[in-house]
Amino acid sequence: MSLSIRNSLEPTIREAIIAATGFDGEKVIFHYPNAPRPDFPYIGIKFMNRSHVVNDWQTLEDDELLHQYGNREVVFTITCYGDGAIDTINALDGSIYTQNVRTILEQASAAVLRSQIVFNDHVLVNSHWEERAKIDITFNCYIENGSTTEDVGVFESVDVTWENKL
């Protein structure tokens, strides 16, 4: 079985965003349909996509099973809502590479691969402008961690018969 993005990776990403921004934990949420919004300012995290399989490897281990390993690029969009949204996202973009945040991400076998440009995403809501800014952050994650296995059968011994045909 692969690492669960929802159960294993998302909580660690949230913890890293809290450490990078200094926001209260109740002000950093995931975007789920019909979820309540906290008071401004707050940060929303949204899983966007996961890359395709590239260069996975397999090992035959002591349990005589073939174990699957592999990294994936996983992209999350981080959106800040409220006054100073652009400044908060810019501060996050700098802090996401600190050793403290890297140590947190290491818990889920993840690391920041790259961050994209900061978008000014102000939106007209109920006849007033709501300040928003967002950034896409790509994480390199150890998704296939060896728990996906396959019993391919193992030969204990082989008898070889050689024949020389001339």
C-alpha atoms as a PDB file:
ATOM      1  CA  MET A   1       0.000   0.000   0.000  1.00  0.00           C
ATOM      2  CA  SER A   2       1.217   3.482  -0.835  1.00  0.00           C
ATOM      3  CA  LEU A   3       1.614   6.337   1.625  1.00  0.00           C
ATOM      4  CA  SER A   4      -1.752   8.043   2.147  1.00  0.00           C
ATOM      5  CA  ILE A   5      -1.715  11.664   0.998  1.00  0.00           C
ATOM      6  CA  ARG A   6      -4.803  12.489   3.077  1.00  0.00           C
ATOM      7  CA  ASN A   7      -3.834  10.701   6.313  1.00  0.00           C
ATOM      8  CA  SER A   8      -0.035  10.887   6.361  1.00  0.00           C
ATOM      9  CA  LEU A   9       1.130  13.749   4.170  1.00  0.00           C
ATOM     10  CA  GLU A  10      -1.544  16.440   4.656  1.00  0.00           C
ATOM     11  CA  PRO A  11      -1.194  16.732   8.468  1.00  0.00           C
ATOM     12  CA  THR A  12       2.572  17.115   8.104  1.00  0.00           C
ATOM     13  CA  ILE A  13       2.187  19.765   5.367  1.00  0.00           C
ATOM     14  CA  ARG A  14      -0.235  21.653   7.649  1.00  0.00           C
ATOM     15  CA  GLU A  15       2.225  21.468  10.547  1.00  0.00           C
ATOM     16  CA  ALA A  16       4.985  22.790   8.265  1.00  0.00           C
ATOM     17  CA  ILE A  17       2.791  25.720   7.102  1.00  0.00           C
ATOM     18  CA  ILE A  18       1.990  26.593  10.729  1.00  0.00           C
ATOM     19  CA  ALA A  19       5.710  26.550  11.594  1.00  0.00           C
ATOM     20  CA  ALA A  20       6.623  28.618   8.528  1.00  0.00           C
ATOM     21  CA  THR A  21       3.988  31.320   9.090  1.00  0.00           C
ATOM     22  CA  GLY A  22       3.493  31.377  12.851  1.00  0.00           C
ATOM     23  CA  PHE A  23      -0.290  31.201  12.326  1.00  0.00           C
ATOM     24  CA  ASP A  24      -2.498  29.705  15.023  1.00  0.00           C
ATOM     25  CA  GLY A  25      -3.392  26.087  14.150  1.00  0.00           C
ATOM     26  CA  GLU A  26      -7.092  26.977  13.912  1.00  0.00           C
ATOM     27  CA  LYS A  27      -6.262  29.504  11.185  1.00  0.00           C
ATOM     28  CA  VAL A  28      -4.658  26.906   8.854  1.00  0.00           C
ATOM     29  CA  ILE A  29      -7.302  24.728   7.206  1.00  0.00           C
ATOM     30  CA  PHE A  30      -7.763  22.377   4.272  1.00  0.00           C
ATOM     31  CA  HIS A  31     -10.128  23.271   1.442  1.00  0.00           C
ATOM     32  CA  TYR A  32     -13.017  20.825   1.677  1.00  0.00           C
ATOM     33  CA  PRO A  33     -16.438  21.378   0.096  1.00  0.00           C
ATOM     34  CA  ASN A  34     -18.834  23.237   2.411  1.00  0.00           C
ATOM     35  CA  ALA A  35     -16.272  23.472   5.223  1.00  0.00           C
ATOM     36  CA  PRO A  36     -16.675  26.535   7.478  1.00  0.00           C
ATOM     37  CA  ARG A  37     -14.267  29.424   6.996  1.00  0.00           C
ATOM     38  CA  PRO A  38     -12.407  30.821  10.004  1.00  0.00           C
ATOM     39  CA  ASP A  39     -12.210  34.552  10.670  1.00  0.00           C
ATOM     40  CA  PHE A  40      -9.660  36.524   8.634  1.00  0.00           C
ATOM     41  CA  PRO A  41      -6.755  36.182   8.222  1.00  0.00           C
ATOM     42  CA  TYR A  42      -6.371  32.479   7.572  1.00  0.00           C
ATOM     43  CA  ILE A  43      -4.552  30.047   5.280  1.00  0.00           C
ATOM     44  CA  GLY A  44      -6.142  27.364   3.132  1.00  0.00           C
ATOM     45  CA  ILE A  45      -4.301  24.293   1.852  1.00  0.00           C
ATOM     46  CA  LYS A  46      -5.502  22.384  -1.208  1.00  0.00           C
ATOM     47  CA  PHE A  47      -4.059  19.186  -2.674  1.00  0.00           C
ATOM     48  CA  MET A  48      -3.744  19.735  -6.428  1.00  0.00           C
ATOM     49  CA  ASN A  49      -1.998  16.772  -8.053  1.00  0.00           C
ATOM     50  CA  ARG A  50       0.562  14.019  -7.840  1.00  0.00           C
ATOM     51  CA  SER A  51       3.100  13.256 -10.563  1.00  0.00           C
ATOM     52  CA  HIS A  52       3.251  10.104 -12.617  1.00  0.00           C
ATOM     53  CA  VAL A  53       5.481   7.143 -11.783  1.00  0.00           C
ATOM     54  CA  VAL A  54       9.107   7.726 -12.757  1.00  0.00           C
ATOM     55  CA  ASN A  55      12.025   5.437 -11.918  1.00  0.00           C
ATOM     56  CA  ASP A  56      10.394   3.344  -9.208  1.00  0.00           C
ATOM     57  CA  TRP A  57      12.528   0.477  -7.997  1.00  0.00           C
ATOM     58  CA  GLN A  58      11.850  -2.904  -6.481  1.00  0.00           C
ATOM     59  CA  THR A  59      13.841  -4.979  -4.025  1.00  0.00           C
ATOM     60  CA  LEU A  60      13.570  -8.618  -3.040  1.00  0.00           C
ATOM     61  CA  GLU A  61      13.792  -8.621   0.744  1.00  0.00           C
ATOM     62  CA  ASP A  62      14.218 -11.236   3.466  1.00  0.00           C
ATOM     63  CA  ASP A  63      10.474 -11.971   3.506  1.00  0.00           C
ATOM     64  CA  GLU A  64      10.858 -13.257  -0.090  1.00  0.00           C
ATOM     65  CA  LEU A  65       8.492 -10.557  -1.380  1.00  0.00           C
ATOM     66  CA  LEU A  66       9.209  -7.938  -4.011  1.00  0.00           C
ATOM     67  CA  HIS A  67       8.829  -4.481  -2.377  1.00  0.00           C
ATOM     68  CA  GLN A  68       7.988  -1.348  -4.433  1.00  0.00           C
ATOM     69  CA  TYR A  69       9.705   2.001  -3.718  1.00  0.00           C
ATOM     70  CA  GLY A  70       9.352   5.395  -5.379  1.00  0.00           C
ATOM     71  CA  ASN A  71       9.140   9.168  -4.994  1.00  0.00           C
ATOM     72  CA  ARG A  72       6.461  11.426  -6.426  1.00  0.00           C
ATOM     73  CA  GLU A  73       6.062  15.151  -6.854  1.00  0.00           C
ATOM     74  CA  VAL A  74       2.983  16.294  -4.933  1.00  0.00           C
ATOM     75  CA  VAL A  75       1.628  19.822  -5.481  1.00  0.00           C
ATOM     76  CA  PHE A  76      -0.364  21.810  -2.919  1.00  0.00           C
ATOM     77  CA  THR A  77      -1.816  25.290  -3.450  1.00  0.00           C
ATOM     78  CA  ILE A  78      -1.478  27.474  -0.352  1.00  0.00           C
ATOM     79  CA  THR A  79      -3.878  30.438  -0.261  1.00  0.00           C
ATOM     80  CA  CYS A  80      -3.801  33.228   2.289  1.00  0.00           C
ATOM     81  CA  TYR A  81      -7.008  35.189   2.948  1.00  0.00           C
ATOM     82  CA  GLY A  82      -7.320  38.604   4.589  1.00  0.00           C
ATOM     83  CA  ASP A  83      -5.249  41.731   5.116  1.00  0.00           C
ATOM     84  CA  GLY A  84      -1.579  41.334   4.274  1.00  0.00           C
ATOM     85  CA  ALA A  85      -2.156  38.150   2.266  1.00  0.00           C
ATOM     86  CA  ILE A  86       0.666  38.835  -0.191  1.00  0.00           C
ATOM     87  CA  ASP A  87       3.127  39.600   2.610  1.00  0.00           C
ATOM     88  CA  THR A  88       2.127  36.395   4.424  1.00  0.00           C
ATOM     89  CA  ILE A  89       2.602  34.264   1.298  1.00  0.00           C
ATOM     90  CA  ASN A  90       5.962  35.914   0.575  1.00  0.00           C
ATOM     91  CA  ALA A  91       7.074  35.192   4.152  1.00  0.00           C
ATOM     92  CA  LEU A  92       5.878  31.585   3.777  1.00  0.00           C
ATOM     93  CA  ASP A  93       7.837  31.232   0.535  1.00  0.00           C
ATOM     94  CA  GLY A  94      11.028  32.202   2.350  1.00  0.00           C
ATOM     95  CA  SER A  95      10.380  30.229   5.529  1.00  0.00           C
ATOM     96  CA  ILE A  96       9.377  26.976   3.827  1.00  0.00           C
ATOM     97  CA  TYR A  97      13.057  26.240   3.146  1.00  0.00           C
ATOM     98  CA  THR A  98      14.236  26.661   6.753  1.00  0.00           C
ATOM     99  CA  GLN A  99      15.743  23.765   8.681  1.00  0.00           C
ATOM    100  CA  ASN A 100      12.866  23.786  11.178  1.00  0.00           C
ATOM    101  CA  VAL A 101      10.294  23.242   8.414  1.00  0.00           C
ATOM    102  CA  ARG A 102      12.482  20.633   6.689  1.00  0.00           C
ATOM    103  CA  THR A 103      12.648  18.665   9.949  1.00  0.00           C
ATOM    104  CA  ILE A 104       8.845  18.695  10.201  1.00  0.00           C
ATOM    105  CA  LEU A 105       8.436  17.518   6.591  1.00  0.00           C
ATOM    106  CA  GLU A 106      10.941  14.736   7.192  1.00  0.00           C
ATOM    107  CA  GLN A 107       8.322  13.073   9.452  1.00  0.00           C
ATOM    108  CA  ALA A 108       6.323  12.204   6.319  1.00  0.00           C
ATOM    109  CA  SER A 109       9.411  11.479   4.186  1.00  0.00           C
ATOM    110  CA  ALA A 110       8.793  14.707   2.272  1.00  0.00           C
ATOM    111  CA  ALA A 111      10.860  17.706   1.233  1.00  0.00           C
ATOM    112  CA  VAL A 112      10.166  20.988  -0.562  1.00  0.00           C
ATOM    113  CA  LEU A 113      11.184  20.551  -4.169  1.00  0.00           C
ATOM    114  CA  ARG A 114      10.225  24.013  -5.429  1.00  0.00           C
ATOM    115  CA  SER A 115       7.782  26.850  -4.955  1.00  0.00           C
ATOM    116  CA  GLN A 116       6.158  28.711  -7.821  1.00  0.00           C
ATOM    117  CA  ILE A 117       5.413  32.408  -8.250  1.00  0.00           C
ATOM    118  CA  VAL A 118       3.132  34.244  -5.818  1.00  0.00           C
ATOM    119  CA  PHE A 119      -0.265  35.108  -7.298  1.00  0.00           C
ATOM    120  CA  ASN A 120      -2.251  38.188  -6.307  1.00  0.00           C
ATOM    121  CA  ASP A 121      -5.727  36.622  -6.267  1.00  0.00           C
ATOM    122  CA  HIS A 122      -8.040  39.339  -4.887  1.00  0.00           C
ATOM    123  CA  VAL A 123     -11.708  38.427  -5.413  1.00  0.00           C
ATOM    124  CA  LEU A 124     -14.899  40.484  -5.353  1.00  0.00           C
ATOM    125  CA  VAL A 125     -17.123  38.969  -2.637  1.00  0.00           C
ATOM    126  CA  ASN A 126     -20.479  40.536  -1.684  1.00  0.00           C
ATOM    127  CA  SER A 127     -19.554  43.894  -3.271  1.00  0.00           C
ATOM    128  CA  HIS A 128     -16.152  44.231  -1.553  1.00  0.00           C
ATOM    129  CA  TRP A 129     -12.680  43.029  -2.458  1.00  0.00           C
ATOM    130  CA  GLU A 130     -11.346  40.131  -0.437  1.00  0.00           C
ATOM    131  CA  GLU A 131      -7.559  40.148  -0.286  1.00  0.00           C
ATOM    132  CA  ARG A 132      -6.066  36.802  -1.325  1.00  0.00           C
ATOM    133  CA  ALA A 133      -2.669  35.538  -2.406  1.00  0.00           C
ATOM    134  CA  LYS A 134      -1.585  32.036  -3.319  1.00  0.00           C
ATOM    135  CA  ILE A 135       1.406  29.940  -4.200  1.00  0.00           C
ATOM    136  CA  ASP A 136       1.885  26.405  -5.491  1.00  0.00           C
ATOM    137  CA  ILE A 137       4.478  24.392  -3.589  1.00  0.00           C
ATOM    138  CA  THR A 138       5.802  21.117  -4.977  1.00  0.00           C
ATOM    139  CA  PHE A 139       6.948  18.525  -2.466  1.00  0.00           C
ATOM    140  CA  ASN A 140       9.090  15.495  -3.222  1.00  0.00           C
ATOM    141  CA  CYS A 141       7.453  12.644  -1.303  1.00  0.00           C
ATOM    142  CA  TYR A 142       8.388   9.055  -0.686  1.00  0.00           C
ATOM    143  CA  ILE A 143       4.959   7.707  -1.714  1.00  0.00           C
ATOM    144  CA  GLU A 144       5.877   4.081  -2.410  1.00  0.00           C
ATOM    145  CA  ASN A 145       7.602   3.122   0.832  1.00  0.00           C
ATOM    146  CA  GLY A 146       8.035  -0.624   0.388  1.00  0.00           C
ATOM    147  CA  SER A 147       4.646  -1.548   1.774  1.00  0.00           C
ATOM    148  CA  THR A 148       3.374  -2.421  -1.720  1.00  0.00           C
ATOM    149  CA  THR A 149       4.519  -6.005  -2.197  1.00  0.00           C
ATOM    150  CA  GLU A 150       4.221  -8.812  -4.683  1.00  0.00           C
ATOM    151  CA  ASP A 151       4.932 -12.501  -4.233  1.00  0.00           C
ATOM    152  CA  VAL A 152       6.815 -13.370  -7.406  1.00  0.00           C
ATOM    153  CA  GLY A 153       8.058 -16.725  -6.148  1.00  0.00           C
ATOM    154  CA  VAL A 154      11.596 -17.566  -5.147  1.00  0.00           C
ATOM    155  CA  PHE A 155      13.695 -20.495  -6.271  1.00  0.00           C
ATOM    156  CA  GLU A 156      15.443 -22.197  -3.383  1.00  0.00           C
ATOM    157  CA  SER A 157      17.659 -24.254  -5.660  1.00  0.00           C
ATOM    158  CA  VAL A 158      18.150 -24.981  -9.337  1.00  0.00           C
ATOM    159  CA  ASP A 159      19.534 -28.095 -10.987  1.00  0.00           C
ATOM    160  CA  VAL A 160      21.430 -27.314 -14.156  1.00  0.00           C
ATOM    161  CA  THR A 161      22.027 -29.900 -16.857  1.00  0.00           C
ATOM    162  CA  TRP A 162      24.549 -28.973 -19.496  1.00  0.00           C
ATOM    163  CA  GLU A 163      24.495 -30.544 -22.892  1.00  0.00           C
ATOM    164  CA  ASN A 164      27.039 -29.910 -25.559  1.00  0.00           C
ATOM    165  CA  LYS A 165      25.526 -30.336 -29.021  1.00  0.00           C
ATOM    166  CA  LEU A 166      28.004 -30.355 -31.829  1.00  0.00           C
END
